[in-house]
């Protein structure tokens, strides 16, 4: 398997969430970068849930 781990994605979300929520106008470039990184990591977690957790469970249920 390739791609980021759950631990990495959760760490990055915790790291960039405060920057993504910063309302100050002078921080708009930093906020945009943080939101982009957050979106990538949330998407990675969705993929991990779908392909590494749910698909194996579905396959196991089908085989029974």
Protein backbone atom coordinates (compact mmCIF):
# COMPACT_ATOMS: atom_id res chain seq x y z
CA UNK A 1 0.00 0.00 0.00
CA UNK A 2 1.10 3.51 -0.64
CA UNK A 3 -0.04 6.87 0.60
CA UNK A 4 0.03 8.58 3.97
CA UNK A 5 -0.69 6.76 7.19
CA UNK A 6 -3.59 7.48 9.49
CA UNK A 7 -1.17 8.82 12.10
CA UNK A 8 0.45 11.20 9.60
CA UNK A 9 -2.91 12.47 8.32
CA UNK A 10 -4.27 13.06 11.82
CA UNK A 11 -1.05 14.81 12.86
CA UNK A 12 -1.18 17.11 9.83
CA UNK A 13 -4.85 17.91 10.46
CA UNK A 14 -4.07 18.84 14.07
CA UNK A 15 -1.12 20.93 12.91
CA UNK A 16 -2.90 22.90 10.16
CA UNK A 17 -6.43 23.23 11.55
CA UNK A 18 -5.65 26.32 13.68
CA UNK A 19 -4.03 28.01 10.66
CA UNK A 20 -7.02 27.16 8.47
CA UNK A 21 -9.39 28.78 10.94
CA UNK A 22 -7.38 31.96 11.47
CA UNK A 23 -9.76 34.81 10.47
CA UNK A 24 -7.14 37.58 10.13
CA UNK A 25 -7.10 39.02 6.58
CA UNK A 26 -3.31 39.36 6.56
CA UNK A 27 -3.03 35.59 6.99
CA UNK A 28 -5.13 34.71 3.92
CA UNK A 29 -2.26 33.08 1.96
CA UNK A 30 -1.28 31.00 4.97
CA UNK A 31 -4.94 30.08 5.54
CA UNK A 32 -5.37 29.00 1.91
CA UNK A 33 -2.25 26.80 2.09
CA UNK A 34 -3.47 25.24 5.36
CA UNK A 35 -6.92 24.54 3.92
CA UNK A 36 -5.35 22.87 0.87
CA UNK A 37 -3.23 20.64 3.10
CA UNK A 38 -6.24 19.89 5.33
CA UNK A 39 -8.31 18.88 2.31
CA UNK A 40 -5.63 16.49 1.12
CA UNK A 41 -5.36 14.84 4.50
CA UNK A 42 -9.11 14.56 4.99
CA UNK A 43 -9.30 12.97 1.54
CA UNK A 44 -6.51 10.56 2.50
CA UNK A 45 -8.45 9.53 5.61
CA UNK A 46 -11.57 8.96 3.50
CA UNK A 47 -9.56 6.76 1.15
CA UNK A 48 -8.03 4.83 4.04
CA UNK A 49 -11.47 4.22 5.50
CA UNK A 50 -12.91 3.13 2.18
CA UNK A 51 -10.14 0.93 0.81
CA UNK A 52 -8.21 -0.26 3.85
CA UNK A 53 -11.07 -0.74 6.30
CA UNK A 54 -14.45 -1.08 4.58
CA UNK A 55 -13.41 -3.09 1.51
CA UNK A 56 -11.71 -5.86 3.53
CA UNK A 57 -14.76 -6.01 5.82
CA UNK A 58 -17.12 -6.28 2.83
CA UNK A 59 -14.98 -9.03 1.33
CA UNK A 60 -14.97 -10.92 4.62
CA UNK A 61 -18.76 -10.61 4.95
CA UNK A 62 -19.26 -11.82 1.35
CA UNK A 63 -17.06 -14.86 1.90
CA UNK A 64 -19.11 -16.04 4.90
